[in-house]
């Protein structure tokens, strides 16, 4: 098992800035026209009524930048495992683990906590993590602070602009601190003789 902190990565918003004000492909991004097959999620990746976009904008430089951050990368998106087929290769990413949201997928909670929050905490299993998304709220911060015993960073990305250089800098700083926290915790655990 990896000792690195986890990076839970959403796609629509952080990697695909779907809400650009111009409605056109941003600089440094490429346009990906997805086939019909990719637009309909697999049975394990979403309700039948959910349809993905036909066109996406992705920045191929994001893959190497993400790999250099020092995290164990993990998809945290409605794309789930389908991200390894349709998104990862465009970014130059190897197949990544993903959070299986199961019954929580796209189901709003009455307490205002995002439907991803509890599954992310469960998937982290006590490890430090950063969650990069465009939908977290104060309710998610409170929920994760109350239910997750390790460090966490809920990193909001504006879906109009996607991930930028300063975002990678902030994530790298958290990764370095999360790695130190893991090592310090392991050093304080008594060893049974």
C-alpha atoms as a PDB file:
ATOM      1  CA  UNK A   1       0.000   0.000   0.000  1.00  0.00           C
ATOM      2  CA  UNK A   2       1.238   3.443  -0.901  1.00  0.00           C
ATOM      3  CA  UNK A   3       2.282   5.778   1.905  1.00  0.00           C
ATOM      4  CA  UNK A   4       1.609   8.875  -0.180  1.00  0.00           C
ATOM      5  CA  UNK A   5      -1.460  11.029   0.469  1.00  0.00           C
ATOM      6  CA  UNK A   6      -4.385  10.555  -1.898  1.00  0.00           C
ATOM      7  CA  UNK A   7      -5.523  13.056  -4.496  1.00  0.00           C
ATOM      8  CA  UNK A   8      -9.205  12.594  -5.287  1.00  0.00           C
ATOM      9  CA  UNK A   9      -9.635  14.129  -8.706  1.00  0.00           C
ATOM     10  CA  UNK A  10     -12.888  15.270 -10.276  1.00  0.00           C
ATOM     11  CA  UNK A  11     -12.963  15.684 -14.057  1.00  0.00           C
ATOM     12  CA  UNK A  12     -15.726  18.116 -15.038  1.00  0.00           C
ATOM     13  CA  UNK A  13     -14.613  21.474 -13.684  1.00  0.00           C
ATOM     14  CA  UNK A  14     -10.978  20.899 -12.678  1.00  0.00           C
ATOM     15  CA  UNK A  15      -9.763  19.075 -15.798  1.00  0.00           C
ATOM     16  CA  UNK A  16     -12.573  20.021 -18.202  1.00  0.00           C
ATOM     17  CA  UNK A  17     -13.426  23.718 -17.638  1.00  0.00           C
ATOM     18  CA  UNK A  18     -16.961  23.273 -18.951  1.00  0.00           C
ATOM     19  CA  UNK A  19     -18.185  26.675 -17.727  1.00  0.00           C
ATOM     20  CA  UNK A  20     -15.806  28.946 -19.646  1.00  0.00           C
ATOM     21  CA  UNK A  21     -17.335  32.361 -20.188  1.00  0.00           C
ATOM     22  CA  UNK A  22     -16.503  32.287 -23.895  1.00  0.00           C
ATOM     23  CA  UNK A  23     -17.940  28.812 -24.400  1.00  0.00           C
ATOM     24  CA  UNK A  24     -14.875  27.943 -26.470  1.00  0.00           C
ATOM     25  CA  UNK A  25     -11.819  25.796 -25.936  1.00  0.00           C
ATOM     26  CA  UNK A  26      -9.377  27.565 -23.599  1.00  0.00           C
ATOM     27  CA  UNK A  27      -5.763  28.192 -24.601  1.00  0.00           C
ATOM     28  CA  UNK A  28      -3.457  25.202 -24.026  1.00  0.00           C
ATOM     29  CA  UNK A  29      -6.429  22.806 -24.089  1.00  0.00           C
ATOM     30  CA  UNK A  30      -7.469  20.455 -26.852  1.00  0.00           C
ATOM     31  CA  UNK A  31     -11.009  19.617 -27.903  1.00  0.00           C
ATOM     32  CA  UNK A  32     -12.026  15.996 -27.482  1.00  0.00           C
ATOM     33  CA  UNK A  33     -15.146  14.846 -29.312  1.00  0.00           C
ATOM     34  CA  UNK A  34     -16.393  11.820 -27.440  1.00  0.00           C
ATOM     35  CA  UNK A  35     -18.118   8.998 -29.281  1.00  0.00           C
ATOM     36  CA  UNK A  36     -21.662   8.073 -28.311  1.00  0.00           C
ATOM     37  CA  UNK A  37     -20.244   5.053 -26.486  1.00  0.00           C
ATOM     38  CA  UNK A  38     -18.333   7.346 -24.080  1.00  0.00           C
ATOM     39  CA  UNK A  39     -21.284   9.650 -23.467  1.00  0.00           C
ATOM     40  CA  UNK A  40     -23.407   6.887 -21.937  1.00  0.00           C
ATOM     41  CA  UNK A  41     -21.880   5.696 -18.669  1.00  0.00           C
ATOM     42  CA  UNK A  42     -21.300   2.019 -18.122  1.00  0.00           C
ATOM     43  CA  UNK A  43     -23.753   0.352 -15.751  1.00  0.00           C
ATOM     44  CA  UNK A  44     -21.213   0.812 -12.966  1.00  0.00           C
ATOM     45  CA  UNK A  45     -20.650   4.495 -13.708  1.00  0.00           C
ATOM     46  CA  UNK A  46     -23.986   6.201 -13.413  1.00  0.00           C
ATOM     47  CA  UNK A  47     -27.727   6.150 -13.645  1.00  0.00           C
ATOM     48  CA  UNK A  48     -29.152   5.486 -17.098  1.00  0.00           C
ATOM     49  CA  UNK A  49     -30.557   9.028 -17.212  1.00  0.00           C
ATOM     50  CA  UNK A  50     -27.096  10.570 -16.813  1.00  0.00           C
ATOM     51  CA  UNK A  51     -25.444  11.547 -20.107  1.00  0.00           C
ATOM     52  CA  UNK A  52     -21.894  12.892 -20.313  1.00  0.00           C
ATOM     53  CA  UNK A  53     -20.894  15.788 -22.550  1.00  0.00           C
ATOM     54  CA  UNK A  54     -20.163  15.098 -26.210  1.00  0.00           C
ATOM     55  CA  UNK A  55     -17.241  17.508 -26.310  1.00  0.00           C
ATOM     56  CA  UNK A  56     -14.625  18.092 -23.640  1.00  0.00           C
ATOM     57  CA  UNK A  57     -11.618  20.370 -23.292  1.00  0.00           C
ATOM     58  CA  UNK A  58      -8.554  18.780 -21.730  1.00  0.00           C
ATOM     59  CA  UNK A  59      -5.020  20.053 -21.216  1.00  0.00           C
ATOM     60  CA  UNK A  60      -2.462  17.290 -21.943  1.00  0.00           C
ATOM     61  CA  UNK A  61       0.086  19.084 -19.705  1.00  0.00           C
ATOM     62  CA  UNK A  62      -2.115  18.320 -16.687  1.00  0.00           C
ATOM     63  CA  UNK A  63      -1.230  14.613 -16.697  1.00  0.00           C
ATOM     64  CA  UNK A  64       2.521  15.025 -16.118  1.00  0.00           C
ATOM     65  CA  UNK A  65       1.872  17.867 -13.667  1.00  0.00           C
ATOM     66  CA  UNK A  66      -0.490  15.660 -11.637  1.00  0.00           C
ATOM     67  CA  UNK A  67       1.972  12.763 -11.623  1.00  0.00           C
ATOM     68  CA  UNK A  68       4.706  15.082 -10.302  1.00  0.00           C
ATOM     69  CA  UNK A  69       2.691  16.206  -7.262  1.00  0.00           C
ATOM     70  CA  UNK A  70       3.635  13.356  -4.923  1.00  0.00           C
ATOM     71  CA  UNK A  71       0.108  12.013  -4.436  1.00  0.00           C
ATOM     72  CA  UNK A  72      -1.437   8.678  -5.164  1.00  0.00           C
ATOM     73  CA  UNK A  73      -3.942   9.779  -7.796  1.00  0.00           C
ATOM     74  CA  UNK A  74      -7.510   8.499  -7.692  1.00  0.00           C
ATOM     75  CA  UNK A  75     -10.491   9.412  -9.869  1.00  0.00           C
ATOM     76  CA  UNK A  76     -13.369  10.904  -7.849  1.00  0.00           C
ATOM     77  CA  UNK A  77     -15.848  11.575 -10.602  1.00  0.00           C
ATOM     78  CA  UNK A  78     -19.097  10.307 -12.046  1.00  0.00           C
ATOM     79  CA  UNK A  79     -16.819   8.872 -14.743  1.00  0.00           C
ATOM     80  CA  UNK A  80     -15.456   6.386 -12.171  1.00  0.00           C
ATOM     81  CA  UNK A  81     -13.538   3.608 -13.997  1.00  0.00           C
ATOM     82  CA  UNK A  82     -14.551   4.945 -17.416  1.00  0.00           C
ATOM     83  CA  UNK A  83     -12.082   7.801 -16.810  1.00  0.00           C
ATOM     84  CA  UNK A  84      -9.268   5.332 -17.453  1.00  0.00           C
ATOM     85  CA  UNK A  85     -10.609   4.711 -20.944  1.00  0.00           C
ATOM     86  CA  UNK A  86     -11.685   8.181 -22.069  1.00  0.00           C
ATOM     87  CA  UNK A  87      -9.813  10.786 -19.978  1.00  0.00           C
ATOM     88  CA  UNK A  88      -6.558   9.322 -18.649  1.00  0.00           C
ATOM     89  CA  UNK A  89      -5.034   8.465 -22.043  1.00  0.00           C
ATOM     90  CA  UNK A  90      -5.575  12.014 -23.333  1.00  0.00           C
ATOM     91  CA  UNK A  91      -3.705  13.339 -20.288  1.00  0.00           C
ATOM     92  CA  UNK A  92      -0.969  10.711 -20.446  1.00  0.00           C
ATOM     93  CA  UNK A  93      -2.053   9.131 -17.151  1.00  0.00           C
ATOM     94  CA  UNK A  94      -1.733   5.427 -16.416  1.00  0.00           C
ATOM     95  CA  UNK A  95      -4.865   3.577 -15.300  1.00  0.00           C
ATOM     96  CA  UNK A  96      -5.797   4.991 -11.894  1.00  0.00           C
ATOM     97  CA  UNK A  97      -7.892   3.602  -9.076  1.00  0.00           C
ATOM     98  CA  UNK A  98     -11.286   5.233  -8.721  1.00  0.00           C
ATOM     99  CA  UNK A  99     -13.860   5.740  -6.013  1.00  0.00           C
ATOM    100  CA  UNK A 100     -16.868   3.520  -6.634  1.00  0.00           C
ATOM    101  CA  UNK A 101     -19.695   5.745  -5.438  1.00  0.00           C
ATOM    102  CA  UNK A 102     -22.243   2.931  -5.606  1.00  0.00           C
ATOM    103  CA  UNK A 103     -25.690   3.951  -4.376  1.00  0.00           C
ATOM    104  CA  UNK A 104     -24.442   7.424  -3.370  1.00  0.00           C
ATOM    105  CA  UNK A 105     -23.807   8.402  -7.000  1.00  0.00           C
ATOM    106  CA  UNK A 106     -25.602  11.666  -7.816  1.00  0.00           C
ATOM    107  CA  UNK A 107     -27.943  11.330  -4.808  1.00  0.00           C
ATOM    108  CA  UNK A 108     -28.410  14.594  -2.975  1.00  0.00           C
ATOM    109  CA  UNK A 109     -28.253  14.450   0.798  1.00  0.00           C
ATOM    110  CA  UNK A 110     -30.780  16.327   2.964  1.00  0.00           C
ATOM    111  CA  UNK A 111     -27.997  17.781   5.154  1.00  0.00           C
ATOM    112  CA  UNK A 112     -26.376  19.621   2.220  1.00  0.00           C
ATOM    113  CA  UNK A 113     -23.221  17.485   2.302  1.00  0.00           C
ATOM    114  CA  UNK A 114     -22.084  16.559  -1.208  1.00  0.00           C
ATOM    115  CA  UNK A 115     -22.856  12.988  -2.208  1.00  0.00           C
ATOM    116  CA  UNK A 116     -19.117  12.350  -2.759  1.00  0.00           C
ATOM    117  CA  UNK A 117     -18.003  13.315   0.760  1.00  0.00           C
ATOM    118  CA  UNK A 118     -18.798  10.151   2.737  1.00  0.00           C
ATOM    119  CA  UNK A 119     -17.513   7.760   0.026  1.00  0.00           C
ATOM    120  CA  UNK A 120     -14.251   9.739  -0.206  1.00  0.00           C
ATOM    121  CA  UNK A 121     -13.693   9.521   3.544  1.00  0.00           C
ATOM    122  CA  UNK A 122     -14.412   5.788   3.442  1.00  0.00           C
ATOM    123  CA  UNK A 123     -12.077   5.256   0.484  1.00  0.00           C
ATOM    124  CA  UNK A 124      -9.277   7.223   2.188  1.00  0.00           C
ATOM    125  CA  UNK A 125      -9.341   4.828   5.132  1.00  0.00           C
ATOM    126  CA  UNK A 126      -7.646   7.300   7.461  1.00  0.00           C
ATOM    127  CA  UNK A 127      -5.002   8.511   4.991  1.00  0.00           C
ATOM    128  CA  UNK A 128      -4.439  12.216   4.299  1.00  0.00           C
ATOM    129  CA  UNK A 129      -6.125  13.384   1.123  1.00  0.00           C
ATOM    130  CA  UNK A 130      -6.840  16.347  -1.086  1.00  0.00           C
ATOM    131  CA  UNK A 131     -10.126  16.520  -2.965  1.00  0.00           C
ATOM    132  CA  UNK A 132     -10.027  18.599  -6.154  1.00  0.00           C
ATOM    133  CA  UNK A 133     -13.530  19.475  -7.332  1.00  0.00           C
ATOM    134  CA  UNK A 134     -15.760  22.401  -8.266  1.00  0.00           C
ATOM    135  CA  UNK A 135     -18.691  21.513  -5.998  1.00  0.00           C
ATOM    136  CA  UNK A 136     -17.496  21.338  -2.368  1.00  0.00           C
ATOM    137  CA  UNK A 137     -19.140  23.566   0.224  1.00  0.00           C
ATOM    138  CA  UNK A 138     -18.713  24.500   3.877  1.00  0.00           C
ATOM    139  CA  UNK A 139     -20.992  21.546   4.709  1.00  0.00           C
ATOM    140  CA  UNK A 140     -18.428  19.203   3.141  1.00  0.00           C
ATOM    141  CA  UNK A 141     -15.579  20.812   5.069  1.00  0.00           C
ATOM    142  CA  UNK A 142     -17.487  20.345   8.323  1.00  0.00           C
ATOM    143  CA  UNK A 143     -18.500  16.767   7.499  1.00  0.00           C
ATOM    144  CA  UNK A 144     -14.972  15.696   6.573  1.00  0.00           C
ATOM    145  CA  UNK A 145     -13.423  17.452   9.578  1.00  0.00           C
ATOM    146  CA  UNK A 146     -15.847  15.554  11.831  1.00  0.00           C
ATOM    147  CA  UNK A 147     -15.481  12.131  10.191  1.00  0.00           C
ATOM    148  CA  UNK A 148     -11.895  11.929   8.902  1.00  0.00           C
ATOM    149  CA  UNK A 149      -9.047  11.641  11.408  1.00  0.00           C
ATOM    150  CA  UNK A 150      -6.217  12.560   9.014  1.00  0.00           C
ATOM    151  CA  UNK A 151      -5.374  15.779   7.232  1.00  0.00           C
ATOM    152  CA  UNK A 152      -7.575  16.764   4.330  1.00  0.00           C
ATOM    153  CA  UNK A 153      -7.737  19.570   1.833  1.00  0.00           C
ATOM    154  CA  UNK A 154     -10.917  20.344  -0.044  1.00  0.00           C
ATOM    155  CA  UNK A 155      -9.536  22.239  -2.992  1.00  0.00           C
ATOM    156  CA  UNK A 156     -12.128  24.119  -5.002  1.00  0.00           C
ATOM    157  CA  UNK A 157     -11.411  24.769  -8.676  1.00  0.00           C
ATOM    158  CA  UNK A 158     -13.380  27.310 -10.664  1.00  0.00           C
ATOM    159  CA  UNK A 159     -15.101  25.386 -13.513  1.00  0.00           C
ATOM    160  CA  UNK A 160     -14.679  28.457 -15.751  1.00  0.00           C
ATOM    161  CA  UNK A 161     -10.886  28.150 -15.744  1.00  0.00           C
ATOM    162  CA  UNK A 162      -9.936  24.638 -14.552  1.00  0.00           C
ATOM    163  CA  UNK A 163      -6.647  23.782 -12.882  1.00  0.00           C
ATOM    164  CA  UNK A 164      -3.926  26.438 -13.118  1.00  0.00           C
ATOM    165  CA  UNK A 165      -0.242  26.654 -12.135  1.00  0.00           C
ATOM    166  CA  UNK A 166      -1.032  28.110  -8.699  1.00  0.00           C
ATOM    167  CA  UNK A 167      -3.378  25.181  -8.011  1.00  0.00           C
ATOM    168  CA  UNK A 168      -0.583  22.690  -8.680  1.00  0.00           C
ATOM    169  CA  UNK A 169       1.690  24.672  -6.350  1.00  0.00           C
ATOM    170  CA  UNK A 170      -0.871  24.576  -3.518  1.00  0.00           C
ATOM    171  CA  UNK A 171      -1.483  20.854  -4.035  1.00  0.00           C
ATOM    172  CA  UNK A 172       2.263  20.087  -4.031  1.00  0.00           C
ATOM    173  CA  UNK A 173       2.622  21.940  -0.723  1.00  0.00           C
ATOM    174  CA  UNK A 174      -0.215  19.930   0.802  1.00  0.00           C
ATOM    175  CA  UNK A 175       1.236  16.680  -0.564  1.00  0.00           C
ATOM    176  CA  UNK A 176       4.593  17.379   1.061  1.00  0.00           C
ATOM    177  CA  UNK A 177       2.874  18.118   4.391  1.00  0.00           C
ATOM    178  CA  UNK A 178       0.607  15.065   4.092  1.00  0.00           C
ATOM    179  CA  UNK A 179       3.623  12.827   3.458  1.00  0.00           C
ATOM    180  CA  UNK A 180       5.328  14.236   6.581  1.00  0.00           C
ATOM    181  CA  UNK A 181       2.160  13.616   8.616  1.00  0.00           C
ATOM    182  CA  UNK A 182       2.075   9.965   7.523  1.00  0.00           C
ATOM    183  CA  UNK A 183       5.755   9.480   8.400  1.00  0.00           C
ATOM    184  CA  UNK A 184       5.348  11.191  11.801  1.00  0.00           C
ATOM    185  CA  UNK A 185       2.315   9.058  12.624  1.00  0.00           C
ATOM    186  CA  UNK A 186       4.220   5.877  11.716  1.00  0.00           C
ATOM    187  CA  UNK A 187       7.159   6.919  13.910  1.00  0.00           C
ATOM    188  CA  UNK A 188       4.890   7.372  16.944  1.00  0.00           C
ATOM    189  CA  UNK A 189       3.204   3.986  16.635  1.00  0.00           C
ATOM    190  CA  UNK A 190       4.757   1.604  19.209  1.00  0.00           C
ATOM    191  CA  UNK A 191       6.377  -1.439  17.691  1.00  0.00           C
ATOM    192  CA  UNK A 192       5.366  -4.757  19.221  1.00  0.00           C
ATOM    193  CA  UNK A 193       8.361  -6.955  20.035  1.00  0.00           C
END
